[in-house]
Every structure is written in structure tokens, then in C-alpha cells.
Amino acid sequence: MKKATLQLETLTCPSCMQKIENALKGLDGVSQESLRVLFNSSKVKLDFDDAKTSIEAIEETITKLGYEVKKSQVKA
């Protein structure tokens, strides 16, 4: 499992946070237990199995929802 922190453009409401969380929970390889969308800091923190998904797929999922990923950091 790898740990990722993604910095997003400012989240404008709690429903935005819920929308992102629900979409990422649907990705195979994303740990639902570790997934946190932090409204006040506009960050997403999660663990993911890089054999099942990639940081690029996670970013693309967020982008398709209409949010911009400003920066991603992945740790082994």
C-alpha cells in the first residue's frame, strides 16, 4: 500500500467533499478505511494498492468531477 496526499483547489461546500469521497470509494484499490477528504485544508488523504490503481487514476477521478488537483505526494 502507498500513502497519498492530494492538494485540491478550494472545496466550496461539504457536498463537494462527499462527492469526491464517494467517487474514490468506488475505485478498486483505494482503502476505504484510510480515505479522508479534509474540507478546511482542501486535501485528500488515502492509502491505495498500486497493483490495482494509480495516483493518475485517482487524480483523473477527481478531475472528472470538476475539481482541480494542484499537487500530489505519494509515499511508499
Protein backbone atom coordinates (compact mmCIF):
# COMPACT_ATOMS: atom_id res chain seq x y z
CA MET A 1 0.00 0.00 0.00
CA LYS A 2 1.09 3.54 -0.76
CA LYS A 3 0.01 6.69 1.04
CA ALA A 4 -1.08 9.73 -0.97
CA THR A 5 -1.92 13.31 -0.15
CA LEU A 6 -3.56 15.40 -2.86
CA GLN A 7 -3.93 19.17 -2.60
CA LEU A 8 -7.06 20.37 -4.38
CA GLU A 9 -8.33 23.77 -5.39
CA THR A 10 -10.52 25.14 -2.64
CA LEU A 11 -13.53 22.99 -1.82
CA THR A 12 -16.58 25.22 -1.64
CA CYS A 13 -19.02 23.07 0.33
CA PRO A 14 -19.37 19.86 2.32
CA SER A 15 -21.30 18.23 -0.52
CA CYS A 16 -18.19 18.64 -2.72
CA MET A 17 -16.25 16.73 -0.10
CA GLN A 18 -18.86 13.95 -0.05
CA LYS A 19 -18.93 13.74 -3.85
CA ILE A 20 -15.15 13.21 -4.02
CA GLU A 21 -15.19 10.70 -1.17
CA ASN A 22 -17.95 8.62 -2.78
CA ALA A 23 -16.19 8.57 -6.16
CA LEU A 24 -12.86 7.49 -4.67
CA LYS A 25 -14.51 4.78 -2.58
CA GLY A 26 -15.66 3.27 -5.87
CA LEU A 27 -12.11 2.85 -7.15
CA ASP A 28 -10.67 -0.64 -6.80
CA GLY A 29 -7.52 -0.49 -4.70
CA VAL A 30 -8.40 2.57 -2.59
CA SER A 31 -8.56 1.79 1.12
CA GLN A 32 -11.95 2.99 2.36
CA GLU A 33 -10.71 2.96 5.96
CA SER A 34 -7.90 5.42 5.24
CA LEU A 35 -9.80 7.76 2.88
CA ARG A 36 -10.16 11.29 4.27
CA VAL A 37 -11.36 14.36 2.39
CA LEU A 38 -10.41 17.38 4.50
CA PHE A 39 -12.74 20.27 3.77
CA ASN A 40 -10.88 23.06 5.61
CA SER A 41 -7.49 22.31 4.04
CA SER A 42 -8.82 21.09 0.64
CA LYS A 43 -6.81 17.87 0.87
CA VAL A 44 -7.49 14.24 0.17
CA LYS A 45 -5.52 11.64 2.14
CA LEU A 46 -5.71 7.94 1.35
CA ASP A 47 -3.89 4.65 1.06
CA PHE A 48 -4.03 2.74 -2.20
CA ASP A 49 -2.81 -0.53 -3.68
CA ASP A 50 -0.63 0.43 -6.63
CA ALA A 51 -1.15 -3.02 -8.16
CA LYS A 52 -4.86 -2.17 -8.57
CA THR A 53 -4.88 1.60 -9.21
CA SER A 54 -2.51 4.51 -9.70
CA ILE A 55 -2.20 8.07 -8.49
CA GLU A 56 -3.01 9.11 -12.06
CA ALA A 57 -6.33 7.21 -11.94
CA ILE A 58 -7.15 8.81 -8.58
CA GLU A 59 -6.35 12.29 -9.94
CA GLU A 60 -8.40 11.61 -13.08
CA THR A 61 -11.40 10.56 -10.98
CA ILE A 62 -11.24 13.84 -9.06
CA THR A 63 -10.73 15.87 -12.25
CA LYS A 64 -13.75 14.24 -13.93
CA LEU A 65 -15.87 15.51 -11.03
CA GLY A 66 -14.81 19.05 -11.90
CA TYR A 67 -12.11 19.65 -9.27
CA GLU A 68 -8.50 20.56 -9.90
CA VAL A 69 -5.66 18.64 -8.28
CA LYS A 70 -2.91 21.18 -7.61
CA LYS A 71 -0.31 18.79 -6.21
CA SER A 72 0.07 15.10 -5.30
CA GLN A 73 2.51 13.47 -2.95
CA VAL A 74 2.91 9.68 -2.76
CA LYS A 75 4.90 7.74 -0.17
CA ALA A 76 5.64 4.04 -0.17
